[in-house]
Amino acid sequence: MTRGFLSKAACLVLAASVGACASNRFEGPRERPRPQAALEPATPALPAGTVTSEPLAPPPGASAAPGEPPPPSAAAAPSPAIEPPPAPRPVVATGRSSVVGSWNATDAAGSCKVSLSSTPSLDLYKATTAGCGNKDLAKVSAWDFRDGEVYLYQPGGTVAARLRQAGGSLDGALSKSGAPLSLAR
């Protein structure tokens, strides 16, 4: 029975393959004849005229030309007044790089020169003073910028003064005496 089943299966496979070879599906697309009809225009041609142009009307509320009133509109509603933006506030540079350079220091003892350098000195930056009458200010050798404040240091890490930026100057106080100190360019 197995042999009979195999011969029937072989016959079916053979018949299917012969049927597939005789199919028109493998011949490619056929060309269909198209009807030959005279093509007629869908609409008659329109006569060509001259082309003219005019400037567009200005938007509502704007004048048509300098010195001319705006054209009347059917529903002229008053437009709300547009306020100009507020003037920008002056930009004041903040941060370590904004305080580097030479300053004129003024305290109760007089005035002198303080230079804040961008040259690192361990965890701080180098500072020098010249002509300071206040002994604590005269000893300043380093500085740092932390939390928006400039700290002036003496050798050994003692804080000589703390200053905050105020516009283009630095204002604060000396640490020991509490006397006011101001640095200006």
N, C-alpha and C. Protein backbone atom coordinates (compact mmCIF):
# COMPACT_ATOMS: atom_id res chain seq x y z
N MET A 1 0.81 -1.16 0.00
CA MET A 1 0.00 0.00 0.00
C MET A 1 0.87 1.25 0.00
N THR A 2 1.95 1.20 0.60
CA THR A 2 2.84 2.34 0.63
C THR A 2 3.34 2.62 -0.77
N ARG A 3 3.60 1.57 -1.50
CA ARG A 3 4.09 1.76 -2.85
C ARG A 3 3.02 2.37 -3.75
N GLY A 4 1.81 1.99 -3.58
CA GLY A 4 0.70 2.55 -4.36
C GLY A 4 0.46 4.01 -4.00
N PHE A 5 0.59 4.29 -2.72
CA PHE A 5 0.40 5.68 -2.26
C PHE A 5 1.49 6.57 -2.84
N LEU A 6 2.74 6.08 -2.86
CA LEU A 6 3.84 6.86 -3.40
C LEU A 6 3.68 7.07 -4.90
N SER A 7 3.20 6.09 -5.61
CA SER A 7 3.04 6.25 -7.06
C SER A 7 1.91 7.24 -7.35
N LYS A 8 0.87 7.25 -6.51
CA LYS A 8 -0.22 8.22 -6.72
C LYS A 8 0.28 9.64 -6.42
N ALA A 9 1.07 9.76 -5.37
CA ALA A 9 1.60 11.07 -5.01
C ALA A 9 2.54 11.56 -6.10
N ALA A 10 3.34 10.67 -6.67
CA ALA A 10 4.26 11.05 -7.73
C ALA A 10 3.48 11.49 -8.96
N CYS A 11 2.39 10.81 -9.25
CA CYS A 11 1.57 11.19 -10.40
C CYS A 11 0.95 12.58 -10.19
N LEU A 12 0.51 12.86 -8.98
CA LEU A 12 -0.08 14.17 -8.69
C LEU A 12 0.95 15.28 -8.82
N VAL A 13 2.14 15.02 -8.34
CA VAL A 13 3.19 16.02 -8.44
C VAL A 13 3.54 16.26 -9.90
N LEU A 14 3.64 15.21 -10.67
CA LEU A 14 3.95 15.31 -12.08
C LEU A 14 2.85 16.06 -12.82
N ALA A 15 1.62 15.78 -12.49
CA ALA A 15 0.50 16.46 -13.16
C ALA A 15 0.48 17.95 -12.80
N ALA A 16 0.79 18.29 -11.56
CA ALA A 16 0.80 19.68 -11.14
C ALA A 16 1.91 20.44 -11.84
N SER A 17 3.08 19.83 -11.99
CA SER A 17 4.18 20.52 -12.64
C SER A 17 3.90 20.70 -14.13
N VAL A 18 3.28 19.72 -14.78
CA VAL A 18 2.93 19.86 -16.19
C VAL A 18 1.88 20.94 -16.34
N GLY A 19 0.93 20.99 -15.41
CA GLY A 19 -0.12 22.01 -15.47
C GLY A 19 0.48 23.41 -15.27
N ALA A 20 1.47 23.52 -14.41
CA ALA A 20 2.09 24.81 -14.17
C ALA A 20 2.86 25.27 -15.38
N CYS A 21 3.48 24.37 -16.09
CA CYS A 21 4.25 24.74 -17.28
C CYS A 21 3.33 25.22 -18.38
N ALA A 22 2.13 24.71 -18.42
CA ALA A 22 1.19 25.07 -19.47
C ALA A 22 0.43 26.34 -19.12
N SER A 23 0.63 26.88 -17.93
CA SER A 23 -0.11 28.06 -17.49
C SER A 23 0.40 29.30 -18.21
N ASN A 24 -0.48 30.25 -18.41
CA ASN A 24 -0.10 31.52 -19.03
C ASN A 24 0.48 32.50 -18.02
N ARG A 25 0.46 32.19 -16.74
CA ARG A 25 0.94 33.09 -15.72
C ARG A 25 2.45 33.33 -15.85
N PHE A 26 3.18 32.43 -16.42
CA PHE A 26 4.63 32.54 -16.51
C PHE A 26 5.09 33.19 -17.80
N GLU A 27 4.17 33.63 -18.62
CA GLU A 27 4.56 34.20 -19.91
C GLU A 27 4.84 35.70 -19.83
N GLY A 28 4.51 36.35 -18.75
CA GLY A 28 4.74 37.79 -18.65
C GLY A 28 3.46 38.55 -18.97
N PRO A 29 3.52 39.86 -18.89
CA PRO A 29 2.32 40.66 -19.13
C PRO A 29 1.92 40.63 -20.60
N ARG A 30 0.66 40.66 -20.82
CA ARG A 30 0.15 40.68 -22.19
C ARG A 30 -0.16 42.11 -22.58
N GLU A 31 0.01 42.40 -23.81
CA GLU A 31 -0.36 43.69 -24.35
C GLU A 31 -1.83 43.62 -24.72
N ARG A 32 -2.57 44.53 -24.17
CA ARG A 32 -4.01 44.57 -24.49
C ARG A 32 -4.20 45.66 -25.54
N PRO A 33 -4.99 45.37 -26.48
CA PRO A 33 -5.23 46.41 -27.49
C PRO A 33 -6.05 47.54 -26.86
N ARG A 34 -5.63 48.75 -27.13
CA ARG A 34 -6.33 49.92 -26.60
C ARG A 34 -7.20 50.50 -27.70
N PRO A 35 -8.34 50.96 -27.30
CA PRO A 35 -9.23 51.54 -28.33
C PRO A 35 -8.63 52.85 -28.83
N GLN A 36 -8.66 53.04 -30.10
CA GLN A 36 -8.15 54.25 -30.73
C GLN A 36 -9.31 55.21 -30.89
N ALA A 37 -9.34 56.22 -30.05
CA ALA A 37 -10.39 57.22 -30.15
C ALA A 37 -9.72 58.56 -30.37
N ALA A 38 -10.38 59.40 -31.09
CA ALA A 38 -9.85 60.73 -31.35
C ALA A 38 -9.93 61.52 -30.05
N LEU A 39 -8.84 62.13 -29.69
CA LEU A 39 -8.81 62.92 -28.48
C LEU A 39 -9.36 64.30 -28.77
N GLU A 40 -10.34 64.69 -27.99
CA GLU A 40 -10.93 66.01 -28.15
C GLU A 40 -10.65 66.80 -26.88
N PRO A 41 -10.46 68.11 -27.00
CA PRO A 41 -10.22 68.89 -25.80
C PRO A 41 -11.45 68.88 -24.90
N ALA A 42 -11.20 68.83 -23.63
CA ALA A 42 -12.30 68.77 -22.67
C ALA A 42 -13.06 70.09 -22.64
N THR A 43 -12.36 71.21 -22.72
CA THR A 43 -13.00 72.51 -22.75
C THR A 43 -12.40 73.30 -23.89
N PRO A 44 -13.16 74.16 -24.47
CA PRO A 44 -12.59 74.96 -25.57
C PRO A 44 -11.55 75.93 -25.01
N ALA A 45 -10.58 76.29 -25.81
CA ALA A 45 -9.52 77.18 -25.40
C ALA A 45 -10.08 78.56 -25.11
N LEU A 46 -9.58 79.18 -24.06
CA LEU A 46 -10.02 80.52 -23.70
C LEU A 46 -9.12 81.53 -24.37
N PRO A 47 -9.67 82.65 -24.73
CA PRO A 47 -8.80 83.66 -25.36
C PRO A 47 -7.84 84.23 -24.32
N ALA A 48 -6.61 84.48 -24.75
CA ALA A 48 -5.59 85.03 -23.86
C ALA A 48 -5.71 86.54 -23.86
N GLY A 49 -5.80 87.12 -22.67
CA GLY A 49 -5.91 88.58 -22.56
C GLY A 49 -4.64 89.14 -21.94
N THR A 50 -4.66 90.41 -21.65
CA THR A 50 -3.50 91.03 -21.01
C THR A 50 -3.57 90.79 -19.51
N VAL A 51 -2.43 90.70 -18.92
CA VAL A 51 -2.34 90.48 -17.49
C VAL A 51 -2.02 91.82 -16.83
N THR A 52 -2.78 92.16 -15.80
CA THR A 52 -2.53 93.40 -15.08
C THR A 52 -2.22 93.07 -13.63
N SER A 53 -1.55 94.01 -12.97
CA SER A 53 -1.26 93.80 -11.56
C SER A 53 -1.51 95.09 -10.80
N GLU A 54 -1.88 94.95 -9.56
CA GLU A 54 -2.10 96.08 -8.67
C GLU A 54 -1.47 95.74 -7.34
N PRO A 55 -0.98 96.75 -6.60
CA PRO A 55 -0.43 96.45 -5.27
C PRO A 55 -1.54 95.97 -4.34
N LEU A 56 -1.16 95.13 -3.43
CA LEU A 56 -2.11 94.63 -2.46
C LEU A 56 -2.48 95.72 -1.48
N ALA A 57 -3.68 95.64 -0.96
CA ALA A 57 -4.11 96.60 0.06
C ALA A 57 -3.35 96.32 1.34
N PRO A 58 -3.01 97.36 2.10
CA PRO A 58 -2.28 97.13 3.35
C PRO A 58 -3.17 96.43 4.37
N PRO A 59 -2.55 95.78 5.35
CA PRO A 59 -3.34 95.10 6.37
C PRO A 59 -4.16 96.12 7.16
N PRO A 60 -5.23 95.69 7.81
CA PRO A 60 -6.07 96.61 8.57
C PRO A 60 -5.25 97.35 9.63
N GLY A 61 -5.46 98.66 9.69
CA GLY A 61 -4.76 99.46 10.69
C GLY A 61 -3.45 100.04 10.21
N ALA A 62 -2.94 99.61 9.05
CA ALA A 62 -1.68 100.13 8.53
C ALA A 62 -1.99 101.13 7.44
N SER A 63 -1.15 102.13 7.28
CA SER A 63 -1.39 103.13 6.24
C SER A 63 -0.95 102.57 4.91
N ALA A 64 -1.64 103.02 3.85
CA ALA A 64 -1.36 102.52 2.51
C ALA A 64 -0.01 103.01 2.02
N ALA A 65 0.29 104.24 2.25
CA ALA A 65 1.58 104.81 1.86
C ALA A 65 1.89 105.90 2.88
N PRO A 66 3.12 106.31 2.97
CA PRO A 66 3.44 107.36 3.93
C PRO A 66 2.62 108.61 3.66
N GLY A 67 1.94 109.10 4.68
CA GLY A 67 1.15 110.31 4.54
C GLY A 67 -0.28 110.08 4.13
N GLU A 68 -0.65 108.88 3.74
CA GLU A 68 -2.03 108.58 3.33
C GLU A 68 -2.75 107.88 4.47
N PRO A 69 -4.04 108.21 4.64
CA PRO A 69 -4.80 107.51 5.67
C PRO A 69 -5.08 106.08 5.23
N PRO A 70 -5.30 105.18 6.18
CA PRO A 70 -5.60 103.80 5.81
C PRO A 70 -6.94 103.72 5.11
N PRO A 71 -7.11 102.74 4.23
CA PRO A 71 -8.39 102.61 3.53
C PRO A 71 -9.47 102.22 4.54
N PRO A 72 -10.68 102.70 4.32
CA PRO A 72 -11.76 102.36 5.27
C PRO A 72 -12.07 100.88 5.17
N SER A 73 -12.36 100.30 6.30
CA SER A 73 -12.74 98.88 6.31
C SER A 73 -14.17 98.78 6.78
N ALA A 74 -14.81 97.70 6.44
CA ALA A 74 -16.22 97.50 6.77
C ALA A 74 -16.43 97.45 8.27
N ALA A 75 -15.60 96.73 8.97
CA ALA A 75 -15.74 96.60 10.41
C ALA A 75 -14.45 97.06 11.06
N ALA A 76 -14.24 98.36 11.10
CA ALA A 76 -13.00 98.89 11.66
C ALA A 76 -13.11 98.90 13.17
N ALA A 77 -12.44 97.98 13.80
CA ALA A 77 -12.43 97.90 15.25
C ALA A 77 -11.14 98.52 15.74
N PRO A 78 -11.18 99.25 16.84
CA PRO A 78 -9.94 99.84 17.34
C PRO A 78 -8.98 98.74 17.77
N SER A 79 -7.74 98.87 17.32
CA SER A 79 -6.75 97.85 17.67
C SER A 79 -6.17 98.20 19.03
N PRO A 80 -5.88 97.18 19.83
CA PRO A 80 -5.31 97.45 21.15
C PRO A 80 -3.91 98.03 21.00
N ALA A 81 -3.58 98.94 21.90
CA ALA A 81 -2.25 99.56 21.86
C ALA A 81 -1.19 98.51 22.20
N ILE A 82 -0.17 98.48 21.41
CA ILE A 82 0.92 97.53 21.63
C ILE A 82 2.01 98.26 22.39
N GLU A 83 2.32 97.74 23.56
CA GLU A 83 3.35 98.36 24.37
C GLU A 83 4.72 97.87 23.93
N PRO A 84 5.69 98.78 23.85
CA PRO A 84 7.05 98.33 23.48
C PRO A 84 7.61 97.49 24.61
N PRO A 85 8.49 96.56 24.27
CA PRO A 85 9.10 95.73 25.32
C PRO A 85 9.94 96.59 26.25
N PRO A 86 10.06 96.18 27.50
CA PRO A 86 10.87 96.97 28.43
C PRO A 86 12.34 97.00 27.98
N ALA A 87 13.00 98.07 28.30
CA ALA A 87 14.41 98.21 27.94
C ALA A 87 15.21 97.14 28.67
N PRO A 88 16.15 96.51 27.98
CA PRO A 88 16.94 95.47 28.65
C PRO A 88 17.82 96.08 29.73
N ARG A 89 17.95 95.32 30.79
CA ARG A 89 18.82 95.77 31.87
C ARG A 89 20.26 95.62 31.43
N PRO A 90 21.14 96.50 31.87
CA PRO A 90 22.55 96.38 31.47
C PRO A 90 23.12 95.06 31.96
N VAL A 91 23.89 94.44 31.11
CA VAL A 91 24.49 93.16 31.45
C VAL A 91 25.76 93.41 32.24
N VAL A 92 25.81 92.85 33.42
CA VAL A 92 26.99 92.97 34.26
C VAL A 92 27.62 91.58 34.33
N ALA A 93 28.85 91.50 33.89
CA ALA A 93 29.53 90.21 33.91
C ALA A 93 29.79 89.80 35.35
N THR A 94 29.50 88.55 35.63
CA THR A 94 29.76 88.01 36.96
C THR A 94 30.63 86.79 36.82
N GLY A 95 31.27 86.45 37.89
CA GLY A 95 32.12 85.27 37.87
C GLY A 95 33.57 85.64 38.03
N ARG A 96 34.37 84.61 38.15
CA ARG A 96 35.80 84.77 38.41
C ARG A 96 36.48 85.61 37.33
N SER A 97 36.21 85.33 36.06
CA SER A 97 36.92 86.04 35.00
C SER A 97 36.53 87.52 34.93
N SER A 98 35.36 87.90 35.45
CA SER A 98 34.95 89.30 35.40
C SER A 98 35.68 90.17 36.42
N VAL A 99 36.32 89.58 37.42
CA VAL A 99 37.01 90.38 38.45
C VAL A 99 38.52 90.37 38.28
N VAL A 100 39.03 89.61 37.34
CA VAL A 100 40.48 89.58 37.10
C VAL A 100 40.92 90.94 36.57
N GLY A 101 42.05 91.44 37.12
CA GLY A 101 42.60 92.70 36.63
C GLY A 101 42.98 93.63 37.77
N SER A 102 43.28 94.88 37.40
CA SER A 102 43.71 95.88 38.38
C SER A 102 42.51 96.67 38.90
N TRP A 103 42.54 96.95 40.20
CA TRP A 103 41.48 97.67 40.89
C TRP A 103 42.07 98.79 41.73
N ASN A 104 41.31 99.84 41.94
CA ASN A 104 41.66 100.90 42.88
C ASN A 104 40.85 100.63 44.14
N ALA A 105 41.53 100.30 45.22
CA ALA A 105 40.87 99.98 46.49
C ALA A 105 40.76 101.24 47.33
N THR A 106 39.59 101.43 47.94
CA THR A 106 39.37 102.58 48.82
C THR A 106 38.82 102.06 50.14
N ASP A 107 39.50 102.41 51.24
CA ASP A 107 39.04 102.06 52.58
C ASP A 107 39.24 103.27 53.48
N ALA A 108 39.07 103.09 54.79
CA ALA A 108 39.20 104.21 55.74
C ALA A 108 40.61 104.77 55.76
N ALA A 109 41.62 103.96 55.44
CA ALA A 109 43.01 104.39 55.47
C ALA A 109 43.43 105.10 54.19
N GLY A 110 42.61 105.12 53.16
CA GLY A 110 42.97 105.77 51.91
C GLY A 110 42.71 104.86 50.72
N SER A 111 43.54 105.04 49.69
CA SER A 111 43.37 104.21 48.50
C SER A 111 44.71 103.59 48.10
N CYS A 112 44.60 102.48 47.36
CA CYS A 112 45.79 101.77 46.89
C CYS A 112 45.41 100.92 45.69
N LYS A 113 46.35 100.21 45.15
CA LYS A 113 46.12 99.34 43.98
C LYS A 113 46.06 97.88 44.44
N VAL A 114 45.08 97.15 43.90
CA VAL A 114 44.95 95.71 44.14
C VAL A 114 44.84 95.05 42.77
N SER A 115 45.68 94.04 42.52
CA SER A 115 45.63 93.31 41.26
C SER A 115 45.24 91.87 41.53
N LEU A 116 44.19 91.43 40.85
CA LEU A 116 43.72 90.05 40.97
C LEU A 116 44.12 89.32 39.70
N SER A 117 44.97 88.32 39.83
CA SER A 117 45.53 87.60 38.69
C SER A 117 44.73 86.33 38.42
N SER A 118 44.82 85.85 37.20
CA SER A 118 44.19 84.57 36.85
C SER A 118 45.17 83.41 37.01
N THR A 119 46.37 83.71 37.54
CA THR A 119 47.38 82.68 37.76
C THR A 119 47.06 81.90 39.03
N PRO A 120 46.89 80.57 38.92
CA PRO A 120 46.56 79.78 40.11
C PRO A 120 47.72 79.74 41.11
N SER A 121 47.35 79.68 42.39
CA SER A 121 48.30 79.53 43.47
C SER A 121 47.67 78.54 44.44
N LEU A 122 48.01 77.26 44.27
CA LEU A 122 47.37 76.16 44.98
C LEU A 122 45.87 76.17 44.66
N ASP A 123 45.01 76.30 45.67
CA ASP A 123 43.56 76.30 45.44
C ASP A 123 43.02 77.69 45.17
N LEU A 124 43.85 78.71 45.22
CA LEU A 124 43.42 80.10 45.07
C LEU A 124 44.10 80.70 43.85
N TYR A 125 43.97 82.03 43.69
CA TYR A 125 44.61 82.76 42.61
C TYR A 125 45.49 83.86 43.22
N LYS A 126 46.55 84.21 42.51
CA LYS A 126 47.50 85.19 43.03
C LYS A 126 46.90 86.60 43.04
N ALA A 127 47.26 87.36 44.07
CA ALA A 127 46.85 88.76 44.19
C ALA A 127 48.04 89.56 44.70
N THR A 128 48.13 90.82 44.29
CA THR A 128 49.19 91.71 44.77
C THR A 128 48.56 93.05 45.12
N THR A 129 49.21 93.77 46.04
CA THR A 129 48.76 95.11 46.41
C THR A 129 49.94 96.06 46.33
N ALA A 130 49.65 97.36 46.18
CA ALA A 130 50.70 98.37 46.14
C ALA A 130 50.17 99.67 46.75
N GLY A 131 50.92 100.20 47.74
CA GLY A 131 50.59 101.49 48.34
C GLY A 131 49.43 101.46 49.31
N CYS A 132 49.12 100.32 49.91
CA CYS A 132 47.98 100.23 50.83
C CYS A 132 48.41 100.66 52.23
N GLY A 133 47.66 101.62 52.84
CA GLY A 133 47.94 102.07 54.19
C GLY A 133 47.42 101.10 55.23
N ASN A 134 46.40 100.34 54.93
CA ASN A 134 45.84 99.35 55.84
C ASN A 134 46.73 98.12 55.82
N LYS A 135 47.26 97.73 57.01
CA LYS A 135 48.20 96.59 57.08
C LYS A 135 47.56 95.28 56.64
N ASP A 136 46.28 95.08 56.98
CA ASP A 136 45.62 93.83 56.59
C ASP A 136 45.46 93.75 55.07
N LEU A 137 45.13 94.86 54.44
CA LEU A 137 44.97 94.90 52.99
C LEU A 137 46.32 94.80 52.29
N ALA A 138 47.35 95.37 52.90
CA ALA A 138 48.69 95.34 52.31
C ALA A 138 49.26 93.92 52.26
N LYS A 139 48.80 93.04 53.13
CA LYS A 139 49.31 91.66 53.18
C LYS A 139 48.59 90.69 52.23
N VAL A 140 47.59 91.16 51.49
CA VAL A 140 46.82 90.27 50.60
C VAL A 140 47.74 89.65 49.56
N SER A 141 47.67 88.31 49.44
CA SER A 141 48.53 87.60 48.48
C SER A 141 47.74 86.63 47.59
N ALA A 142 46.47 86.41 47.91
CA ALA A 142 45.67 85.46 47.12
C ALA A 142 44.21 85.90 47.16
N TRP A 143 43.42 85.35 46.24
CA TRP A 143 41.99 85.66 46.18
C TRP A 143 41.24 84.47 45.61
N ASP A 144 39.92 84.48 45.78
CA ASP A 144 39.05 83.44 45.19
C ASP A 144 37.66 84.03 45.00
N PHE A 145 36.88 83.41 44.12
CA PHE A 145 35.50 83.81 43.86
C PHE A 145 34.61 82.63 44.22
N ARG A 146 33.79 82.78 45.26
CA ARG A 146 32.89 81.71 45.70
C ARG A 146 31.53 82.29 46.03
N ASP A 147 30.51 81.61 45.59
CA ASP A 147 29.12 81.98 45.92
C ASP A 147 28.85 83.46 45.63
N GLY A 148 29.37 83.97 44.55
CA GLY A 148 29.13 85.35 44.15
C GLY A 148 29.94 86.38 44.91
N GLU A 149 30.88 85.96 45.72
CA GLU A 149 31.70 86.88 46.50
C GLU A 149 33.17 86.71 46.19
N VAL A 150 33.91 87.82 46.29
CA VAL A 150 35.37 87.79 46.13
C VAL A 150 35.96 87.78 47.53
N TYR A 151 36.82 86.81 47.80
CA TYR A 151 37.53 86.69 49.09
C TYR A 151 38.98 87.06 48.85
N LEU A 152 39.49 87.99 49.66
CA LEU A 152 40.91 88.36 49.62
C LEU A 152 41.60 87.69 50.80
N TYR A 153 42.72 86.98 50.54
CA TYR A 153 43.41 86.20 51.56
C TYR A 153 44.81 86.75 51.84
N GLN A 154 45.22 86.59 53.11
CA GLN A 154 46.59 86.88 53.52
C GLN A 154 47.36 85.56 53.54
N PRO A 155 48.70 85.59 53.59
CA PRO A 155 49.45 84.34 53.71
C PRO A 155 48.97 83.56 54.93
N GLY A 156 48.86 82.27 54.80
CA GLY A 156 48.38 81.40 55.88
C GLY A 156 46.88 81.13 55.77
N GLY A 157 46.19 81.78 54.82
CA GLY A 157 44.77 81.49 54.59
C GLY A 157 43.79 82.36 55.35
N THR A 158 44.26 83.38 56.04
CA THR A 158 43.36 84.28 56.76
C THR A 158 42.60 85.15 55.76
N VAL A 159 41.28 85.25 55.92
CA VAL A 159 40.47 86.08 55.03
C VAL A 159 40.64 87.54 55.45
N ALA A 160 41.15 88.36 54.53
CA ALA A 160 41.37 89.78 54.81
C ALA A 160 40.10 90.59 54.52
N ALA A 161 39.33 90.19 53.47
CA ALA A 161 38.13 90.94 53.11
C ALA A 161 37.20 90.07 52.27
N ARG A 162 35.92 90.42 52.33
CA ARG A 162 34.91 89.79 51.47
C ARG A 162 34.18 90.89 50.73
N LEU A 163 34.01 90.71 49.41
CA LEU A 163 33.40 91.74 48.57
C LEU A 163 32.36 91.11 47.64
N ARG A 164 31.31 91.87 47.33
CA ARG A 164 30.28 91.46 46.36
C ARG A 164 30.31 92.41 45.18
N GLN A 165 29.96 91.87 44.00
CA GLN A 165 29.90 92.72 42.82
C GLN A 165 28.69 93.64 42.93
N ALA A 166 28.90 94.91 42.65
CA ALA A 166 27.83 95.91 42.67
C ALA A 166 28.02 96.77 41.42
N GLY A 167 27.34 96.40 40.33
CA GLY A 167 27.55 97.10 39.06
C GLY A 167 28.93 96.79 38.55
N GLY A 168 29.75 97.82 38.37
CA GLY A 168 31.11 97.61 37.88
C GLY A 168 32.15 97.65 38.98
N SER A 169 31.70 97.64 40.24
CA SER A 169 32.67 97.69 41.35
C SER A 169 32.46 96.50 42.27
N LEU A 170 33.35 96.40 43.25
CA LEU A 170 33.24 95.38 44.29
C LEU A 170 33.12 96.10 45.63
N ASP A 171 32.09 95.79 46.39
CA ASP A 171 31.87 96.44 47.68
C ASP A 171 31.79 95.39 48.77
N GLY A 172 32.41 95.71 49.92
CA GLY A 172 32.39 94.79 51.05
C GLY A 172 33.03 95.41 52.26
N ALA A 173 33.68 94.55 53.05
CA ALA A 173 34.30 95.02 54.30
C ALA A 173 35.56 94.23 54.59
N LEU A 174 36.42 94.86 55.36
CA LEU A 174 37.61 94.17 55.86
C LEU A 174 37.19 93.24 56.98
N SER A 175 37.78 92.07 57.07
CA SER A 175 37.32 91.05 58.03
C SER A 175 37.59 91.43 59.47
N LYS A 176 38.80 91.88 59.81
CA LYS A 176 39.15 92.16 61.22
C LYS A 176 38.40 93.36 61.79
N SER A 177 38.44 94.48 61.06
CA SER A 177 37.86 95.72 61.59
C SER A 177 36.41 95.92 61.18
N GLY A 178 35.97 95.29 60.12
CA GLY A 178 34.62 95.52 59.61
C GLY A 178 34.47 96.82 58.84
N ALA A 179 35.61 97.51 58.63
CA ALA A 179 35.58 98.78 57.89
C ALA A 179 35.20 98.54 56.43
N PRO A 180 34.44 99.47 55.84
CA PRO A 180 34.02 99.27 54.45
C PRO A 180 35.23 99.32 53.50
N LEU A 181 35.11 98.52 52.44
CA LEU A 181 36.15 98.45 51.41
C LEU A 181 35.47 98.43 50.06
N SER A 182 35.98 99.20 49.13
CA SER A 182 35.41 99.26 47.78
C SER A 182 36.52 99.16 46.76
N LEU A 183 36.31 98.35 45.76
CA LEU A 183 37.27 98.23 44.65
C LEU A 183 36.57 98.70 43.38
N ALA A 184 37.20 99.61 42.66
CA ALA A 184 36.66 100.13 41.41
C ALA A 184 37.74 100.11 40.35
N ARG A 185 37.34 100.02 39.10
CA ARG A 185 38.32 99.98 38.00
C ARG A 185 38.82 101.36 37.66
